[in-house]
């Protein structure tokens, strides 16, 4: 029968689109009621019956039998003489049910119904996907690499839904091949050209937070709380934690025996160094902890300007600043304070030194700023570092470094 053949044409949608049956039946019913309204002007006296089990559909027309010549509404009533042609036993006042042959609608109308149904199913699928991943923002998921492009990676979840991991959300050391399973956190769900796009991230602080939650049961149970995470993906991360149970050492719990809990996370993050510190509301203590692994001698705070001047032994300055200035940058993000690092030379023989600002007529300002960024604020603090170390820690070329050193050395030779 035509009705069964038609519904079979929609079987692929019914099975594959992950849409529950009541919703599916309602959509099919709505589409065919629209078809009825177009043909008859109303769908009031028609019943659309969808059998989800068998995958078929029936449309029944319901009319009341009236005396010949008394038909006022042809849609709701049928003359007695016409009714007995269908079934001789009918009497006036009874209701008559007839099956509507879908082919009566015409080939063009049926095709339009198919297209409408396909469109409605497509919209439903999008809504299901948006709802599913909208509810999972901030969660870790595992997906398979399907396609690797220059600017992004296309992944497939267990249901074949497409997910995107942009280059900007990948750790610099990440390298993935087709077929590989990778973990990432759901960052956001966007709509592009009316289609949902699920964006994943491996650089988000929430990715590290969820990895810690998986590895550290005390975090999952709420006994330890992650107060703040700052990251330079693939380089370094700082995690401030606090325990709600005095018997639990939050740092020790996160690191684990001999680093057992943190090792797996470090590997997942491509050997990113993770500093776990105790959170405190004492800003002086927080700044001291945030500059781990460096040890501070003294510090001056300006709470109004949120500025901290930190003094360290000469051998601790490079540790505080870190490779490419990452350590001090993360400490500033974690504490919310601007931190300037100074060499503490108290107790050491004092040497004649010159502030870098004195060289502003010979050395360009941006070069001076770059040297200050890595803690070199005087001439001797620059000369105490080798050209190789200066090149590694700053964004300056070797030629520029050599020229700066020449200018500074000349000034001391004059003295």
Protein backbone atom coordinates (compact mmCIF):
# COMPACT_ATOMS: atom_id res chain seq x y z
CA UNK A 1 0.00 0.00 0.00
CA UNK A 2 1.19 3.53 -0.79
CA UNK A 3 1.01 4.70 2.82
CA UNK A 4 3.40 1.96 3.99
CA UNK A 5 5.82 2.59 1.14
CA UNK A 6 5.87 6.26 1.99
CA UNK A 7 6.64 5.80 5.66
CA UNK A 8 9.39 3.33 4.77
CA UNK A 9 11.05 6.16 2.88
CA UNK A 10 11.48 7.88 6.24
CA UNK A 11 12.82 4.80 8.03
CA UNK A 12 16.42 6.02 7.83
CA UNK A 13 15.50 9.18 9.70
CA UNK A 14 13.47 7.27 12.27
CA UNK A 15 16.32 4.89 13.11
CA UNK A 16 19.42 7.06 12.75
CA UNK A 17 18.67 10.48 14.08
CA UNK A 18 18.62 9.70 17.80
CA UNK A 19 15.16 11.19 18.23
CA UNK A 20 12.67 9.63 20.64
CA UNK A 21 9.57 7.95 19.17
CA UNK A 22 6.86 10.25 20.57
CA UNK A 23 8.65 13.25 19.05
CA UNK A 24 9.09 11.43 15.74
CA UNK A 25 5.39 10.47 15.63
CA UNK A 26 4.34 14.03 16.39
CA UNK A 27 6.51 15.39 13.55
CA UNK A 28 5.10 12.90 11.02
CA UNK A 29 1.56 13.69 12.19
CA UNK A 30 2.12 17.45 11.84
CA UNK A 31 3.55 17.09 8.33
CA UNK A 32 0.57 15.08 7.08
CA UNK A 33 -1.98 17.31 8.80
CA UNK A 34 -0.44 20.19 6.85
CA UNK A 35 -0.97 18.11 3.69
CA UNK A 36 -4.63 17.58 4.65
CA UNK A 37 -5.21 21.27 5.28
CA UNK A 38 -3.85 22.10 1.85
CA UNK A 39 -6.12 19.56 0.11
CA UNK A 40 -9.32 19.82 2.17
CA UNK A 41 -9.00 23.21 3.90
CA UNK A 42 -9.13 21.61 7.37
CA UNK A 43 -7.69 18.62 9.24
CA UNK A 44 -10.39 18.52 11.94
CA UNK A 45 -12.11 15.38 10.72
CA UNK A 46 -8.97 13.43 9.95
CA UNK A 47 -6.91 11.18 12.20
CA UNK A 48 -3.24 10.57 11.34
CA UNK A 49 -2.19 7.26 12.90
CA UNK A 50 1.56 6.56 13.07
CA UNK A 51 2.67 3.09 14.06
CA UNK A 52 6.23 3.51 15.27
CA UNK A 53 6.68 -0.25 15.80
CA UNK A 54 5.75 -1.25 12.26
CA UNK A 55 6.95 1.97 10.68
CA UNK A 56 3.70 2.62 8.81
CA UNK A 57 1.10 5.36 8.64
CA UNK A 58 -2.67 5.56 8.10
CA UNK A 59 -4.91 8.58 7.54
CA UNK A 60 -8.55 8.02 8.51
CA UNK A 61 -11.38 10.36 7.48
CA UNK A 62 -14.27 10.62 9.97
CA UNK A 63 -17.78 11.82 8.90
CA UNK A 64 -21.33 11.68 10.28
CA UNK A 65 -24.09 10.11 8.12
CA UNK A 66 -27.03 12.48 7.43
CA UNK A 67 -30.21 12.32 5.36
CA UNK A 68 -29.83 12.77 1.61
CA UNK A 69 -29.95 16.48 0.79
CA UNK A 70 -29.13 17.49 4.40
CA UNK A 71 -25.34 17.72 3.97
CA UNK A 72 -24.29 21.15 5.31
CA UNK A 73 -20.55 20.49 5.78
CA UNK A 74 -19.07 18.03 3.24
CA UNK A 75 -15.93 17.67 5.35
CA UNK A 76 -17.83 16.54 8.46
CA UNK A 77 -20.94 14.93 6.90
CA UNK A 78 -21.83 12.37 4.24
CA UNK A 79 -25.20 11.68 2.59
CA UNK A 80 -26.89 8.36 3.52
CA UNK A 81 -26.96 7.20 -0.14
CA UNK A 82 -23.17 7.65 -0.42
CA UNK A 83 -22.51 5.95 2.92
CA UNK A 84 -24.38 2.74 2.03
CA UNK A 85 -22.21 2.40 -1.07
CA UNK A 86 -19.28 1.98 1.27
CA UNK A 87 -21.07 -0.30 3.71
CA UNK A 88 -24.78 -1.30 3.25
CA UNK A 89 -25.47 -1.62 7.02
CA UNK A 90 -24.87 2.06 7.81
CA UNK A 91 -27.69 4.16 9.26
CA UNK A 92 -28.30 7.89 9.59
CA UNK A 93 -26.54 9.36 12.67
CA UNK A 94 -23.67 6.89 12.68
CA UNK A 95 -20.04 7.85 12.10
CA UNK A 96 -18.21 6.47 9.09
CA UNK A 97 -14.44 6.01 8.90
CA UNK A 98 -12.64 5.81 5.56
CA UNK A 99 -8.95 5.34 4.90
CA UNK A 100 -7.43 8.07 2.75
CA UNK A 101 -5.12 6.81 0.04
CA UNK A 102 -1.97 8.93 0.20
CA UNK A 103 -1.62 8.71 -3.58
CA UNK A 104 -4.80 10.85 -3.78
CA UNK A 105 -2.72 13.82 -2.65
CA UNK A 106 -0.71 13.74 -5.86
CA UNK A 107 2.95 13.09 -6.55
CA UNK A 108 4.01 16.71 -6.06
CA UNK A 109 2.33 17.00 -2.65
CA UNK A 110 3.87 13.73 -1.48
CA UNK A 111 7.33 14.91 -2.56
CA UNK A 112 6.79 18.20 -0.70
CA UNK A 113 5.78 16.23 2.40
CA UNK A 114 8.97 14.17 2.18
CA UNK A 115 11.08 17.31 1.92
CA UNK A 116 9.25 18.97 4.83
CA UNK A 117 9.72 15.88 6.96
CA UNK A 118 13.44 15.70 6.09
CA UNK A 119 13.81 19.38 7.03
CA UNK A 120 11.93 18.95 10.34
CA UNK A 121 14.01 15.88 11.23
CA UNK A 122 17.20 17.81 10.42
CA UNK A 123 16.13 20.65 12.75
CA UNK A 124 15.28 18.13 15.47
CA UNK A 125 18.69 16.53 15.12
CA UNK A 126 20.39 19.91 15.49
CA UNK A 127 18.35 20.69 18.60
CA UNK A 128 19.21 17.31 20.13
CA UNK A 129 22.93 17.94 19.46
CA UNK A 130 22.85 21.50 20.84
CA UNK A 131 21.03 20.30 23.98
CA UNK A 132 23.37 17.33 24.48
CA UNK A 133 26.60 19.31 24.26
CA UNK A 134 25.16 22.52 25.73
CA UNK A 135 24.58 20.50 28.92
CA UNK A 136 28.14 19.13 28.79
CA UNK A 137 30.12 22.38 28.53
CA UNK A 138 33.11 22.08 30.87
CA UNK A 139 33.09 18.25 30.77
CA UNK A 140 35.87 16.05 29.42
CA UNK A 141 34.97 13.85 26.48
CA UNK A 142 36.90 11.35 24.40
CA UNK A 143 36.57 11.40 20.61
CA UNK A 144 38.27 9.89 17.58
CA UNK A 145 40.35 11.94 15.15
CA UNK A 146 38.64 11.78 11.76
CA UNK A 147 40.43 14.48 9.78
CA UNK A 148 43.51 16.61 10.51
CA UNK A 149 43.65 20.04 8.88
CA UNK A 150 46.06 22.94 9.24
CA UNK A 151 43.80 25.11 11.40
CA UNK A 152 41.66 22.49 13.15
CA UNK A 153 40.99 18.81 13.75
CA UNK A 154 37.66 17.12 13.01
CA UNK A 155 36.67 14.47 15.56
CA UNK A 156 33.75 12.06 15.82
CA UNK A 157 32.05 11.07 19.07
CA UNK A 158 30.61 7.61 19.76
CA UNK A 159 27.41 8.54 17.90
CA UNK A 160 29.23 9.92 14.85
CA UNK A 161 28.59 13.58 15.70
CA UNK A 162 31.24 15.97 14.38
CA UNK A 163 33.34 17.94 16.90
CA UNK A 164 36.00 20.56 16.22
CA UNK A 165 39.34 21.05 18.00
CA UNK A 166 40.81 24.31 16.64
CA UNK A 167 44.60 24.82 16.48
CA UNK A 168 44.23 27.64 19.01
CA UNK A 169 42.74 25.15 21.51
CA UNK A 170 45.54 22.60 21.05
CA UNK A 171 48.66 22.40 23.22
CA UNK A 172 51.63 23.52 21.04
CA UNK A 173 53.24 20.07 21.39
CA UNK A 174 50.04 18.23 20.41
CA UNK A 175 50.36 15.93 17.40
CA UNK A 176 47.44 13.72 16.40
CA UNK A 177 46.87 11.14 13.69
CA UNK A 178 43.65 9.87 12.11
CA UNK A 179 41.99 7.14 14.17
CA UNK A 180 43.60 8.28 17.44
CA UNK A 181 41.40 8.81 20.50
CA UNK A 182 41.98 12.10 22.29
CA UNK A 183 40.57 13.78 25.37
CA UNK A 184 39.41 17.39 25.49
CA UNK A 185 36.92 19.55 27.32
CA UNK A 186 33.72 20.86 25.68
CA UNK A 187 34.34 24.61 25.47
CA UNK A 188 31.27 25.99 23.66
CA UNK A 189 28.49 25.24 21.17
CA UNK A 190 28.15 27.71 18.30
CA UNK A 191 25.64 28.00 15.47
CA UNK A 192 27.17 28.56 12.02
CA UNK A 193 24.83 28.77 9.04
CA UNK A 194 22.08 27.39 11.33
CA UNK A 195 24.19 24.29 12.07
CA UNK A 196 25.61 23.48 15.51
CA UNK A 197 29.41 23.51 15.83
CA UNK A 198 30.85 21.91 18.98
CA UNK A 199 34.21 23.44 19.93
CA UNK A 200 36.59 21.43 22.11
CA UNK A 201 39.66 22.65 24.01
CA UNK A 202 42.84 21.22 25.50
CA UNK A 203 44.28 24.61 26.52
CA UNK A 204 41.40 25.75 28.75
CA UNK A 205 42.04 25.84 32.53
CA UNK A 206 38.83 23.78 32.88
CA UNK A 207 40.56 20.89 31.03
CA UNK A 208 43.24 20.76 33.74
CA UNK A 209 40.57 21.18 36.44
CA UNK A 210 38.63 18.16 35.13
CA UNK A 211 41.80 16.05 34.81
CA UNK A 212 42.55 16.82 38.46
CA UNK A 213 38.98 15.91 39.41
CA UNK A 214 39.42 12.53 37.71
CA UNK A 215 42.80 11.81 39.37
CA UNK A 216 42.13 13.27 42.85
CA UNK A 217 39.09 11.72 44.60
CA UNK A 218 39.18 14.44 47.29
CA UNK A 219 38.44 17.07 44.62
CA UNK A 220 35.62 14.98 43.17
CA UNK A 221 34.15 14.55 46.68
CA UNK A 222 34.39 18.29 47.39
CA UNK A 223 36.91 17.96 50.25
CA UNK A 224 39.46 19.92 48.24
CA UNK A 225 38.45 22.92 46.13
CA UNK A 226 40.36 24.33 43.16
CA UNK A 227 40.34 28.08 43.79
CA UNK A 228 42.10 29.16 40.60
CA UNK A 229 44.04 27.75 37.66
CA UNK A 230 46.31 29.71 35.30
CA UNK A 231 48.08 28.09 32.36
CA UNK A 232 50.60 28.66 29.63
CA UNK A 233 49.63 25.49 27.70
CA UNK A 234 52.47 23.03 27.26
CA UNK A 235 54.83 25.18 29.37
CA UNK A 236 53.60 25.73 32.92
CA UNK A 237 50.45 25.80 35.03
CA UNK A 238 49.75 27.01 38.55
CA UNK A 239 46.90 25.48 40.54
CA UNK A 240 45.77 27.05 43.82
CA UNK A 241 43.89 24.59 46.04
CA UNK A 242 42.21 24.75 49.42
CA UNK A 243 41.07 21.97 51.77
CA UNK A 244 37.82 22.05 53.73
CA UNK A 245 39.16 19.30 56.00
CA UNK A 246 42.08 20.22 58.29
CA UNK A 247 43.30 16.64 58.18
CA UNK A 248 43.87 16.77 54.42
CA UNK A 249 46.97 18.38 52.90
CA UNK A 250 45.52 19.69 49.60
CA UNK A 251 48.89 19.98 47.82
CA UNK A 252 50.00 16.50 48.89
CA UNK A 253 46.64 15.00 47.89
CA UNK A 254 46.83 16.55 44.41
CA UNK A 255 50.43 15.53 43.78
CA UNK A 256 50.06 12.04 45.24
CA UNK A 257 52.67 9.65 46.63
CA UNK A 258 55.93 10.33 44.73
CA UNK A 259 53.92 12.40 42.24
CA UNK A 260 51.72 9.43 41.25
CA UNK A 261 48.56 11.49 40.73
CA UNK A 262 50.11 14.44 38.92
CA UNK A 263 52.35 12.40 36.56
CA UNK A 264 49.47 11.18 34.39
CA UNK A 265 48.15 14.74 34.02
CA UNK A 266 51.62 16.07 33.12
CA UNK A 267 51.89 13.41 30.39
CA UNK A 268 48.41 14.27 29.05
CA UNK A 269 49.43 17.94 28.90
CA UNK A 270 52.66 17.17 27.01
CA UNK A 271 55.00 17.63 30.01
CA UNK A 272 53.47 20.89 31.18
CA UNK A 273 55.03 21.80 34.57
CA UNK A 274 52.27 21.98 37.18
CA UNK A 275 52.84 23.94 40.39
CA UNK A 276 50.20 23.08 43.01
CA UNK A 277 50.08 25.65 45.82
CA UNK A 278 48.00 26.25 48.94
CA UNK A 279 45.47 29.03 48.45
CA UNK A 280 45.46 31.80 51.06
CA UNK A 281 43.71 35.16 51.47
CA UNK A 282 47.01 36.59 52.73
CA UNK A 283 48.19 38.26 49.53
CA UNK A 284 51.83 38.48 50.65
CA UNK A 285 51.94 34.75 51.27
CA UNK A 286 50.05 34.03 48.03
CA UNK A 287 52.58 36.05 46.00
CA UNK A 288 55.41 34.16 47.70
CA UNK A 289 53.81 30.80 46.88
CA UNK A 290 52.84 31.83 43.35
CA UNK A 291 56.49 32.51 42.41
CA UNK A 292 57.40 28.86 43.12
CA UNK A 293 60.04 27.49 42.58
CA UNK A 294 61.84 30.78 43.42
CA UNK A 295 62.40 31.79 47.06
CA UNK A 296 61.64 35.43 47.96
CA UNK A 297 63.77 37.41 50.42
CA UNK A 298 61.44 40.37 50.98
CA UNK A 299 58.58 42.15 49.25
CA UNK A 300 56.86 45.57 49.25
CA UNK A 301 53.13 45.71 48.53
CA UNK A 302 50.95 48.53 47.28
CA UNK A 303 47.45 47.12 47.72
CA UNK A 304 45.74 50.18 46.21
CA UNK A 305 47.66 49.86 42.95
CA UNK A 306 47.85 46.05 43.24
CA UNK A 307 51.60 46.28 42.79
CA UNK A 308 54.27 44.07 44.40
CA UNK A 309 58.03 44.68 44.40
CA UNK A 310 59.75 41.39 45.13
CA UNK A 311 63.39 41.05 46.18
CA UNK A 312 65.31 37.82 45.63
CA UNK A 313 68.87 36.55 45.80
CA UNK A 314 70.61 36.88 42.39
CA UNK A 315 70.48 33.11 41.79
CA UNK A 316 66.68 33.12 42.36
CA UNK A 317 65.82 35.91 39.90
CA UNK A 318 65.83 33.72 36.77
CA UNK A 319 63.73 31.08 38.59
CA UNK A 320 61.13 33.69 39.54
CA UNK A 321 60.91 35.00 35.99
CA UNK A 322 61.04 31.59 34.33
CA UNK A 323 61.58 30.62 30.72
CA UNK A 324 60.31 33.40 28.43
CA UNK A 325 58.90 35.14 31.51
CA UNK A 326 56.20 32.47 31.92
CA UNK A 327 56.58 31.95 35.69
CA UNK A 328 56.16 35.60 36.64
CA UNK A 329 53.36 36.06 34.11
CA UNK A 330 51.36 33.19 35.65
CA UNK A 331 52.08 34.46 39.19
CA UNK A 332 50.61 37.83 38.18
CA UNK A 333 47.51 36.16 36.69
CA UNK A 334 47.05 34.00 39.80
CA UNK A 335 47.40 36.83 42.34
CA UNK A 336 45.93 39.71 40.32
CA UNK A 337 48.98 41.81 41.26
CA UNK A 338 51.61 43.35 39.00
CA UNK A 339 54.94 41.89 40.19
CA UNK A 340 58.36 43.49 39.65
CA UNK A 341 61.43 41.42 40.47
CA UNK A 342 64.57 42.97 41.99
CA UNK A 343 67.94 41.53 42.95
CA UNK A 344 68.54 41.61 46.69
CA UNK A 345 72.24 42.42 47.11
CA UNK A 346 72.11 43.16 50.84
CA UNK A 347 75.09 41.69 52.65
CA UNK A 348 77.08 41.39 49.40
CA UNK A 349 79.90 43.78 48.42
CA UNK A 350 78.23 46.71 46.68
CA UNK A 351 79.40 47.39 43.15
CA UNK A 352 78.92 50.57 41.19
CA UNK A 353 75.78 50.05 39.07
CA UNK A 354 73.70 52.10 36.65
CA UNK A 355 69.92 52.05 36.13
CA UNK A 356 68.99 50.95 32.61
CA UNK A 357 66.89 54.10 32.16
CA UNK A 358 70.19 56.04 32.02
CA UNK A 359 70.85 54.41 28.63
CA UNK A 360 67.59 55.50 26.99
CA UNK A 361 69.45 57.87 24.63
CA UNK A 362 71.61 55.01 23.26
CA UNK A 363 69.32 51.96 23.57
CA UNK A 364 65.79 51.89 22.14
CA UNK A 365 62.94 51.92 24.70
CA UNK A 366 61.42 48.63 23.53
CA UNK A 367 64.77 46.87 24.11
CA UNK A 368 65.01 48.32 27.63
CA UNK A 369 61.42 47.22 28.32
CA UNK A 370 62.21 43.68 27.13
CA UNK A 371 65.24 43.50 29.47
CA UNK A 372 63.18 44.81 32.40
CA UNK A 373 60.50 42.22 31.65
CA UNK A 374 62.99 39.48 32.53
CA UNK A 375 64.16 41.25 35.71
CA UNK A 376 67.17 43.13 34.33
CA UNK A 377 66.70 46.69 35.55
CA UNK A 378 70.35 47.72 35.93
CA UNK A 379 73.42 47.52 33.70
CA UNK A 380 75.18 44.92 35.89
CA UNK A 381 72.06 42.70 36.03
CA UNK A 382 72.27 42.50 32.21
CA UNK A 383 76.02 41.90 32.13
CA UNK A 384 75.77 39.21 34.83
CA UNK A 385 73.82 37.07 32.36
CA UNK A 386 75.54 35.38 29.43
CA UNK A 387 74.49 36.35 25.87
CA UNK A 388 73.09 32.82 25.50
CA UNK A 389 70.88 33.19 28.60
CA UNK A 390 69.70 36.64 27.50
CA UNK A 391 68.81 35.25 24.07
CA UNK A 392 66.91 32.35 25.64
CA UNK A 393 64.95 34.47 28.11
CA UNK A 394 64.15 37.48 25.93
CA UNK A 395 62.79 38.00 22.43
CA UNK A 396 65.98 39.86 21.42
CA UNK A 397 68.31 38.84 18.58
CA UNK A 398 71.94 37.93 19.41
CA UNK A 399 73.18 40.92 17.40
CA UNK A 400 71.03 43.29 19.51
CA UNK A 401 72.18 41.64 22.76
CA UNK A 402 75.85 42.02 21.79
CA UNK A 403 75.33 45.69 20.94
CA UNK A 404 73.56 46.32 24.30
CA UNK A 405 76.40 44.62 26.18
CA UNK A 406 78.99 46.69 24.29
CA UNK A 407 77.23 49.95 25.25
CA UNK A 408 76.94 48.92 28.91
CA UNK A 409 80.57 47.71 29.15
CA UNK A 410 81.84 50.96 27.63
CA UNK A 411 80.06 52.93 30.36
CA UNK A 412 81.81 50.92 33.11
CA UNK A 413 85.19 51.23 31.36
CA UNK A 414 84.77 55.02 31.40
CA UNK A 415 84.18 54.90 35.12
